Amino acid sequence: MGSVLNADCEVLGVDGLRVVDASVMPTIPSGNTYLGCVMIAERVARKIKTATRK
């Protein structure tokens, strides 16, 4: 993710913006990236949902 995103896929320096796609993967798999992107999106959505409940 480098220095642009934190571990929660939030763009540093921009409030409320997240990036959830294949670009957040540390290494791109040789096969289809669809399921990997779905899993990342589900995890980030769960984090957002639990953070807003508190």
PDB file of N, CA and C in Angstrom:
ATOM      1  N   MET A   1       0.814  -1.186   0.000  1.00  0.00           N
ATOM      2  CA  MET A   1       0.000   0.000   0.000  1.00  0.00           C
ATOM      3  C   MET A   1       0.858   1.250   0.000  1.00  0.00           C
ATOM      4  N   GLY A   2       2.086   1.108   0.356  1.00  0.00           N
ATOM      5  CA  GLY A   2       2.999   2.239   0.271  1.00  0.00           C
ATOM      6  C   GLY A   2       2.657   3.349   1.240  1.00  0.00           C
ATOM      7  N   SER A   3       2.994   4.556   0.868  1.00  0.00           N
ATOM      8  CA  SER A   3       2.771   5.691   1.751  1.00  0.00           C
ATOM      9  C   SER A   3       1.506   6.461   1.404  1.00  0.00           C
ATOM     10  N   VAL A   4       0.652   5.906   0.573  1.00  0.00           N
ATOM     11  CA  VAL A   4      -0.572   6.591   0.156  1.00  0.00           C
ATOM     12  C   VAL A   4      -1.763   6.166   1.012  1.00  0.00           C
ATOM     13  N   LEU A   5      -1.780   4.894   1.431  1.00  0.00           N
ATOM     14  CA  LEU A   5      -2.899   4.352   2.202  1.00  0.00           C
ATOM     15  C   LEU A   5      -2.406   3.825   3.542  1.00  0.00           C
ATOM     16  N   ASN A   6      -3.292   3.832   4.533  1.00  0.00           N
ATOM     17  CA  ASN A   6      -2.965   3.163   5.786  1.00  0.00           C
ATOM     18  C   ASN A   6      -3.531   1.747   5.749  1.00  0.00           C
ATOM     19  N   ALA A   7      -3.444   1.029   6.862  1.00  0.00           N
ATOM     20  CA  ALA A   7      -3.876  -0.374   6.897  1.00  0.00           C
ATOM     21  C   ALA A   7      -5.385  -0.540   6.736  1.00  0.00           C
ATOM     22  N   ASP A   8      -6.150   0.521   6.969  1.00  0.00           N
ATOM     23  CA  ASP A   8      -7.601   0.466   6.803  1.00  0.00           C
ATOM     24  C   ASP A   8      -8.045   0.965   5.435  1.00  0.00           C
ATOM     25  N   CYS A   9      -7.112   1.073   4.501  1.00  0.00           N
ATOM     26  CA  CYS A   9      -7.365   1.511   3.126  1.00  0.00           C
ATOM     27  C   CYS A   9      -7.830   2.966   3.031  1.00  0.00           C
ATOM     28  N   GLU A  10      -7.511   3.769   4.049  1.00  0.00           N
ATOM     29  CA  GLU A  10      -7.849   5.191   4.017  1.00  0.00           C
ATOM     30  C   GLU A  10      -6.734   5.954   3.304  1.00  0.00           C
ATOM     31  N   VAL A  11      -7.104   6.864   2.428  1.00  0.00           N
ATOM     32  CA  VAL A  11      -6.124   7.686   1.721  1.00  0.00           C
ATOM     33  C   VAL A  11      -5.591   8.715   2.703  1.00  0.00           C
ATOM     34  N   LEU A  12      -4.281   8.753   2.865  1.00  0.00           N
ATOM     35  CA  LEU A  12      -3.665   9.690   3.801  1.00  0.00           C
ATOM     36  C   LEU A  12      -3.819  11.115   3.298  1.00  0.00           C
ATOM     37  N   GLY A  13      -4.269  12.005   4.185  1.00  0.00           N
ATOM     38  CA  GLY A  13      -4.421  13.401   3.839  1.00  0.00           C
ATOM     39  C   GLY A  13      -5.772  13.771   3.260  1.00  0.00           C
ATOM     40  N   VAL A  14      -6.647  12.777   3.042  1.00  0.00           N
ATOM     41  CA  VAL A  14      -7.984  13.040   2.495  1.00  0.00           C
ATOM     42  C   VAL A  14      -8.997  12.375   3.431  1.00  0.00           C
ATOM     43  N   ASP A  15      -9.771  13.168   4.145  1.00  0.00           N
ATOM     44  CA  ASP A  15     -10.736  12.626   5.094  1.00  0.00           C
ATOM     45  C   ASP A  15     -11.892  11.929   4.384  1.00  0.00           C
ATOM     46  N   GLY A  16     -12.220  10.720   4.858  1.00  0.00           N
ATOM     47  CA  GLY A  16     -13.384  10.006   4.368  1.00  0.00           C
ATOM     48  C   GLY A  16     -13.216   9.279   3.047  1.00  0.00           C
ATOM     49  N   LEU A  17     -12.004   9.240   2.499  1.00  0.00           N
ATOM     50  CA  LEU A  17     -11.799   8.555   1.214  1.00  0.00           C
ATOM     51  C   LEU A  17     -11.019   7.268   1.439  1.00  0.00           C
ATOM     52  N   ARG A  18     -11.544   6.184   0.895  1.00  0.00           N
ATOM     53  CA  ARG A  18     -10.880   4.886   0.970  1.00  0.00           C
ATOM     54  C   ARG A  18     -10.723   4.323  -0.437  1.00  0.00           C
ATOM     55  N   VAL A  19      -9.678   3.528  -0.622  1.00  0.00           N
ATOM     56  CA  VAL A  19      -9.443   2.849  -1.895  1.00  0.00           C
ATOM     57  C   VAL A  19      -9.497   1.354  -1.623  1.00  0.00           C
ATOM     58  N   VAL A  20     -10.422   0.688  -2.274  1.00  0.00           N
ATOM     59  CA  VAL A  20     -10.575  -0.752  -2.081  1.00  0.00           C
ATOM     60  C   VAL A  20     -10.643  -1.392  -3.459  1.00  0.00           C
ATOM     61  N   ASP A  21      -9.486  -1.766  -3.971  1.00  0.00           N
ATOM     62  CA  ASP A  21      -9.411  -2.450  -5.256  1.00  0.00           C
ATOM     63  C   ASP A  21      -8.113  -3.243  -5.307  1.00  0.00           C
ATOM     64  N   ALA A  22      -7.758  -3.752  -6.451  1.00  0.00           N
ATOM     65  CA  ALA A  22      -6.566  -4.589  -6.574  1.00  0.00           C
ATOM     66  C   ALA A  22      -5.276  -3.820  -6.293  1.00  0.00           C
ATOM     67  N   SER A  23      -5.302  -2.503  -6.344  1.00  0.00           N
ATOM     68  CA  SER A  23      -4.080  -1.738  -6.108  1.00  0.00           C
ATOM     69  C   SER A  23      -3.622  -1.806  -4.658  1.00  0.00           C
ATOM     70  N   VAL A  24      -4.477  -2.240  -3.721  1.00  0.00           N
ATOM     71  CA  VAL A  24      -4.064  -2.361  -2.326  1.00  0.00           C
ATOM     72  C   VAL A  24      -3.404  -3.702  -2.024  1.00  0.00           C
ATOM     73  N   MET A  25      -3.414  -4.625  -2.978  1.00  0.00           N
ATOM     74  CA  MET A  25      -2.770  -5.920  -2.783  1.00  0.00           C
ATOM     75  C   MET A  25      -1.253  -5.739  -2.850  1.00  0.00           C
ATOM     76  N   PRO A  26      -0.535  -6.323  -1.883  1.00  0.00           N
ATOM     77  CA  PRO A  26       0.929  -6.180  -1.910  1.00  0.00           C
ATOM     78  C   PRO A  26       1.570  -6.832  -3.140  1.00  0.00           C
ATOM     79  N   THR A  27       1.026  -7.958  -3.557  1.00  0.00           N
ATOM     80  CA  THR A  27       1.463  -8.595  -4.799  1.00  0.00           C
ATOM     81  C   THR A  27       0.214  -9.034  -5.552  1.00  0.00           C
ATOM     82  N   ILE A  28       0.196  -8.800  -6.835  1.00  0.00           N
ATOM     83  CA  ILE A  28      -0.961  -9.158  -7.652  1.00  0.00           C
ATOM     84  C   ILE A  28      -0.860 -10.643  -8.014  1.00  0.00           C
ATOM     85  N   PRO A  29      -1.904 -11.417  -7.723  1.00  0.00           N
ATOM     86  CA  PRO A  29      -1.858 -12.840  -8.076  1.00  0.00           C
ATOM     87  C   PRO A  29      -1.859 -13.038  -9.590  1.00  0.00           C
ATOM     88  N   SER A  30      -1.358 -14.175 -10.014  1.00  0.00           N
ATOM     89  CA  SER A  30      -1.276 -14.436 -11.446  1.00  0.00           C
ATOM     90  C   SER A  30      -2.636 -14.778 -12.046  1.00  0.00           C
ATOM     91  N   GLY A  31      -3.567 -15.177 -11.211  1.00  0.00           N
ATOM     92  CA  GLY A  31      -4.905 -15.531 -11.695  1.00  0.00           C
ATOM     93  C   GLY A  31      -5.856 -14.353 -11.617  1.00  0.00           C
ATOM     94  N   ASN A  32      -7.129 -14.676 -11.525  1.00  0.00           N
ATOM     95  CA  ASN A  32      -8.177 -13.673 -11.460  1.00  0.00           C
ATOM     96  C   ASN A  32      -8.113 -12.922 -10.132  1.00  0.00           C
ATOM     97  N   THR A  33      -8.256 -11.614 -10.161  1.00  0.00           N
ATOM     98  CA  THR A  33      -8.195 -10.801  -8.946  1.00  0.00           C
ATOM     99  C   THR A  33      -9.574 -10.489  -8.373  1.00  0.00           C
ATOM    100  N   TYR A  34     -10.620 -10.926  -9.027  1.00  0.00           N
ATOM    101  CA  TYR A  34     -11.977 -10.571  -8.599  1.00  0.00           C
ATOM    102  C   TYR A  34     -12.270 -10.979  -7.158  1.00  0.00           C
ATOM    103  N   LEU A  35     -12.056 -12.244  -6.824  1.00  0.00           N
ATOM    104  CA  LEU A  35     -12.384 -12.709  -5.478  1.00  0.00           C
ATOM    105  C   LEU A  35     -11.521 -12.042  -4.420  1.00  0.00           C
ATOM    106  N   GLY A  36     -10.276 -11.782  -4.739  1.00  0.00           N
ATOM    107  CA  GLY A  36      -9.418 -11.053  -3.808  1.00  0.00           C
ATOM    108  C   GLY A  36      -9.951  -9.660  -3.524  1.00  0.00           C
ATOM    109  N   CYS A  37     -10.416  -8.983  -4.554  1.00  0.00           N
ATOM    110  CA  CYS A  37     -10.992  -7.643  -4.395  1.00  0.00           C
ATOM    111  C   CYS A  37     -12.270  -7.690  -3.573  1.00  0.00           C
ATOM    112  N   VAL A  38     -13.081  -8.718  -3.790  1.00  0.00           N
ATOM    113  CA  VAL A  38     -14.317  -8.863  -3.024  1.00  0.00           C
ATOM    114  C   VAL A  38     -13.998  -9.085  -1.546  1.00  0.00           C
ATOM    115  N   MET A  39     -13.018  -9.911  -1.256  1.00  0.00           N
ATOM    116  CA  MET A  39     -12.648 -10.170   0.139  1.00  0.00           C
ATOM    117  C   MET A  39     -12.118  -8.913   0.815  1.00  0.00           C
ATOM    118  N   ILE A  40     -11.299  -8.160   0.116  1.00  0.00           N
ATOM    119  CA  ILE A  40     -10.783  -6.903   0.665  1.00  0.00           C
ATOM    120  C   ILE A  40     -11.935  -5.937   0.923  1.00  0.00           C
ATOM    121  N   ALA A  41     -12.847  -5.821  -0.013  1.00  0.00           N
ATOM    122  CA  ALA A  41     -13.982  -4.908   0.136  1.00  0.00           C
ATOM    123  C   ALA A  41     -14.865  -5.324   1.306  1.00  0.00           C
ATOM    124  N   GLU A  42     -15.105  -6.624   1.469  1.00  0.00           N
ATOM    125  CA  GLU A  42     -15.920  -7.104   2.586  1.00  0.00           C
ATOM    126  C   GLU A  42     -15.254  -6.781   3.917  1.00  0.00           C
ATOM    127  N   ARG A  43     -13.956  -6.968   3.998  1.00  0.00           N
ATOM    128  CA  ARG A  43     -13.231  -6.700   5.252  1.00  0.00           C
ATOM    129  C   ARG A  43     -13.262  -5.216   5.599  1.00  0.00           C
ATOM    130  N   VAL A  44     -13.016  -4.361   4.618  1.00  0.00           N
ATOM    131  CA  VAL A  44     -13.034  -2.919   4.866  1.00  0.00           C
ATOM    132  C   VAL A  44     -14.448  -2.457   5.214  1.00  0.00           C
ATOM    133  N   ALA A  45     -15.454  -3.005   4.531  1.00  0.00           N
ATOM    134  CA  ALA A  45     -16.845  -2.648   4.839  1.00  0.00           C
ATOM    135  C   ALA A  45     -17.194  -3.050   6.270  1.00  0.00           C
ATOM    136  N   ARG A  46     -16.727  -4.204   6.710  1.00  0.00           N
ATOM    137  CA  ARG A  46     -16.983  -4.643   8.085  1.00  0.00           C
ATOM    138  C   ARG A  46     -16.314  -3.714   9.082  1.00  0.00           C
ATOM    139  N   LYS A  47     -15.080  -3.287   8.778  1.00  0.00           N
ATOM    140  CA  LYS A  47     -14.381  -2.338   9.664  1.00  0.00           C
ATOM    141  C   LYS A  47     -15.123  -1.018   9.761  1.00  0.00           C
ATOM    142  N   ILE A  48     -15.604  -0.516   8.617  1.00  0.00           N
ATOM    143  CA  ILE A  48     -16.340   0.745   8.603  1.00  0.00           C
ATOM    144  C   ILE A  48     -17.629   0.596   9.411  1.00  0.00           C
ATOM    145  N   LYS A  49     -18.312  -0.500   9.207  1.00  0.00           N
ATOM    146  CA  LYS A  49     -19.590  -0.729   9.881  1.00  0.00           C
ATOM    147  C   LYS A  49     -19.414  -0.819  11.390  1.00  0.00           C
ATOM    148  N   THR A  50     -18.392  -1.522  11.860  1.00  0.00           N
ATOM    149  CA  THR A  50     -18.170  -1.633  13.308  1.00  0.00           C
ATOM    150  C   THR A  50     -17.667  -0.316  13.894  1.00  0.00           C
ATOM    151  N   ALA A  51     -16.929   0.460  13.129  1.00  0.00           N
ATOM    152  CA  ALA A  51     -16.425   1.743  13.628  1.00  0.00           C
ATOM    153  C   ALA A  51     -17.539   2.750  13.791  1.00  0.00           C
ATOM    154  N   THR A  52     -18.560   2.699  12.942  1.00  0.00           N
ATOM    155  CA  THR A  52     -19.658   3.661  13.030  1.00  0.00           C
ATOM    156  C   THR A  52     -20.653   3.284  14.123  1.00  0.00           C
ATOM    157  N   ARG A  53     -20.647   2.052  14.579  1.00  0.00           N
ATOM    158  CA  ARG A  53     -21.559   1.614  15.648  1.00  0.00           C
ATOM    159  C   ARG A  53     -21.099   2.109  17.015  1.00  0.00           C
ATOM    160  N   LYS A  54     -19.810   2.378  17.174  1.00  0.00           N
ATOM    161  CA  LYS A  54     -19.272   2.760  18.488  1.00  0.00           C
ATOM    162  C   LYS A  54     -19.560   4.185  18.819  1.00  0.00           C
TER     163      LYS A  54
END
